[in-house]
N, C-alpha and C. Protein backbone atom coordinates (compact mmCIF):
# COMPACT_ATOMS: atom_id res chain seq x y z
N MET A 1 0.84 -1.16 0.15
CA MET A 1 -0.16 -0.08 -0.03
C MET A 1 0.93 1.27 -0.13
N ALA A 2 1.98 1.02 0.65
CA ALA A 2 2.84 2.50 0.73
C ALA A 2 3.49 2.68 -0.69
N ILE A 3 4.01 1.57 -1.41
CA ILE A 3 4.25 1.96 -2.65
C ILE A 3 3.37 2.84 -3.69
N SER A 4 2.16 2.25 -3.56
CA SER A 4 1.12 3.15 -4.34
C SER A 4 1.06 4.63 -3.92
N TRP A 5 1.13 4.78 -2.52
CA TRP A 5 1.09 6.39 -2.17
C TRP A 5 2.15 7.05 -2.79
N VAL A 6 3.59 6.34 -2.56
CA VAL A 6 4.76 6.89 -2.96
C VAL A 6 4.64 7.15 -4.56
N THR A 7 4.16 5.99 -5.20
CA THR A 7 4.01 6.36 -6.75
C THR A 7 3.14 7.56 -7.04
N THR A 8 2.14 7.53 -6.45
CA THR A 8 0.97 8.70 -6.79
C THR A 8 1.57 10.03 -6.38
N ILE A 9 2.29 10.12 -5.19
CA ILE A 9 2.68 11.46 -4.75
C ILE A 9 3.89 11.92 -5.89
N GLY A 10 4.68 10.87 -6.18
CA GLY A 10 5.82 11.05 -7.00
C GLY A 10 5.19 11.69 -8.25
N PHE A 11 4.08 11.01 -8.94
CA PHE A 11 3.61 11.20 -10.20
C PHE A 11 3.05 12.73 -10.12
N VAL A 12 2.34 12.97 -8.92
CA VAL A 12 1.65 14.26 -8.94
C VAL A 12 2.84 15.37 -8.94
N ILE A 13 4.02 15.12 -8.13
CA ILE A 13 5.00 16.15 -8.12
C ILE A 13 5.79 16.24 -9.56
N VAL A 14 5.97 15.16 -10.31
CA VAL A 14 6.38 15.24 -11.68
C VAL A 14 5.43 16.13 -12.72
N ILE A 15 4.15 15.68 -12.45
CA ILE A 15 3.35 16.46 -13.23
C ILE A 15 3.16 17.95 -12.92
N ALA A 16 3.27 18.19 -11.64
CA ALA A 16 3.35 19.84 -11.23
C ALA A 16 4.58 20.56 -11.71
N ILE A 17 5.74 19.72 -11.65
CA ILE A 17 7.14 20.35 -12.21
C ILE A 17 6.77 20.56 -13.97
N ALA A 18 6.46 19.45 -14.40
CA ALA A 18 6.13 19.74 -15.98
C ALA A 18 5.14 20.76 -16.39
N GLY A 19 4.13 20.85 -15.66
CA GLY A 19 3.21 22.00 -15.89
C GLY A 19 3.89 23.46 -15.50
N TRP A 20 4.67 23.45 -14.44
CA TRP A 20 5.39 24.78 -14.08
C TRP A 20 6.17 25.20 -15.26
N ILE A 21 7.10 24.37 -15.71
CA ILE A 21 8.04 24.44 -16.77
C ILE A 21 7.10 24.81 -18.17
N PHE A 22 6.12 24.11 -18.20
CA PHE A 22 5.36 24.43 -19.56
C PHE A 22 4.77 25.85 -19.39
N SER A 23 4.23 26.21 -18.33
CA SER A 23 3.83 27.39 -18.23
C SER A 23 4.78 28.65 -18.26
N HIS A 24 5.79 28.30 -17.63
CA HIS A 24 6.96 29.34 -17.60
C HIS A 24 7.31 29.63 -19.07
N PHE A 25 7.55 28.62 -19.86
CA PHE A 25 7.87 28.83 -21.10
C PHE A 25 6.97 29.46 -22.12
N ILE A 26 5.77 29.06 -22.00
CA ILE A 26 4.51 29.67 -22.77
C ILE A 26 4.50 31.33 -22.39
N GLN A 27 4.65 31.57 -20.98
CA GLN A 27 4.61 32.83 -20.63
C GLN A 27 5.76 33.70 -21.44
N GLU A 28 6.71 33.23 -21.39
CA GLU A 28 8.09 33.74 -21.94
C GLU A 28 7.79 33.98 -23.49
N ALA A 29 7.21 33.02 -24.22
CA ALA A 29 7.07 33.21 -25.66
C ALA A 29 6.04 34.07 -26.04
N LEU A 30 4.97 34.14 -25.20
CA LEU A 30 3.85 35.06 -25.27
C LEU A 30 3.90 36.25 -24.45
N ASN A 31 5.00 37.06 -24.60
CA ASN A 31 5.13 38.28 -23.69
C ASN A 31 4.11 39.24 -24.18
N LYS A 32 3.14 39.87 -23.24
CA LYS A 32 2.21 40.57 -23.52
C LYS A 32 2.72 42.07 -23.77
N ASN A 33 3.85 42.39 -23.20
CA ASN A 33 4.26 43.77 -23.66
C ASN A 33 4.73 43.84 -25.15
N ASP A 34 5.18 42.74 -25.71
CA ASP A 34 5.46 42.85 -27.23
C ASP A 34 4.30 43.16 -28.10
N SER A 35 3.10 42.87 -27.74
CA SER A 35 1.87 43.08 -28.45
C SER A 35 1.81 44.81 -28.63
N PHE A 36 2.00 45.38 -27.58
CA PHE A 36 1.88 46.77 -27.69
C PHE A 36 3.10 47.36 -28.31
N THR A 37 4.18 47.00 -28.24
CA THR A 37 5.40 47.52 -28.78
C THR A 37 5.56 47.28 -30.31
N ILE A 38 5.17 45.98 -30.66
CA ILE A 38 4.95 45.75 -32.35
C ILE A 38 3.79 46.51 -32.99
N ASP A 39 2.64 46.38 -32.25
CA ASP A 39 1.36 46.96 -32.84
C ASP A 39 0.67 47.87 -31.97
N PRO A 40 1.28 48.97 -31.77
CA PRO A 40 0.55 49.85 -30.62
C PRO A 40 -1.03 50.22 -30.93
N LEU A 41 -1.75 50.49 -30.07
CA LEU A 41 -3.13 50.83 -30.31
C LEU A 41 -3.12 52.25 -31.15
N PRO A 42 -4.04 52.35 -32.03
CA PRO A 42 -4.04 53.73 -32.47
C PRO A 42 -4.82 54.82 -31.45
N ASP A 43 -4.31 55.99 -31.82
CA ASP A 43 -4.81 57.14 -30.75
C ASP A 43 -6.32 57.45 -31.19
N GLU A 44 -7.05 57.80 -30.18
CA GLU A 44 -8.45 58.04 -30.42
C GLU A 44 -8.57 59.17 -31.46
N GLU A 45 -7.84 60.16 -31.57
CA GLU A 45 -7.94 61.33 -32.58
C GLU A 45 -7.82 60.82 -34.11
N GLU A 46 -6.91 59.78 -34.30
CA GLU A 46 -6.56 59.17 -35.49
C GLU A 46 -7.80 58.38 -35.72
N ASN A 47 -8.45 57.76 -34.90
CA ASN A 47 -9.64 56.81 -35.17
C ASN A 47 -10.88 57.62 -35.56
N THR A 48 -11.08 58.92 -35.13
CA THR A 48 -12.31 59.62 -35.41
C THR A 48 -11.92 60.51 -36.60
N THR A 49 -10.68 60.88 -36.91
CA THR A 49 -10.54 61.59 -38.18
C THR A 49 -10.57 60.73 -39.58
N ASN A 50 -10.40 59.48 -39.41
CA ASN A 50 -10.38 58.53 -40.38
C ASN A 50 -11.70 58.18 -40.75
N ASN A 51 -12.66 58.12 -39.79
CA ASN A 51 -14.01 57.72 -40.07
C ASN A 51 -14.81 58.82 -40.69
N SER A 52 -14.51 60.09 -40.78
CA SER A 52 -15.14 61.03 -41.36
C SER A 52 -15.17 61.25 -42.85
């Protein structure tokens, strides 16, 4: 019975570490600040003058 608990706890720890690594690299790849640097939002004045 003890081996099943050790196996289960070890599996949960390995899955948690793999999830953290996956989440870390996804957050690095999808840097939110890059979206504003590469494609900034248009100014409100430009938006209203182009529609008229």
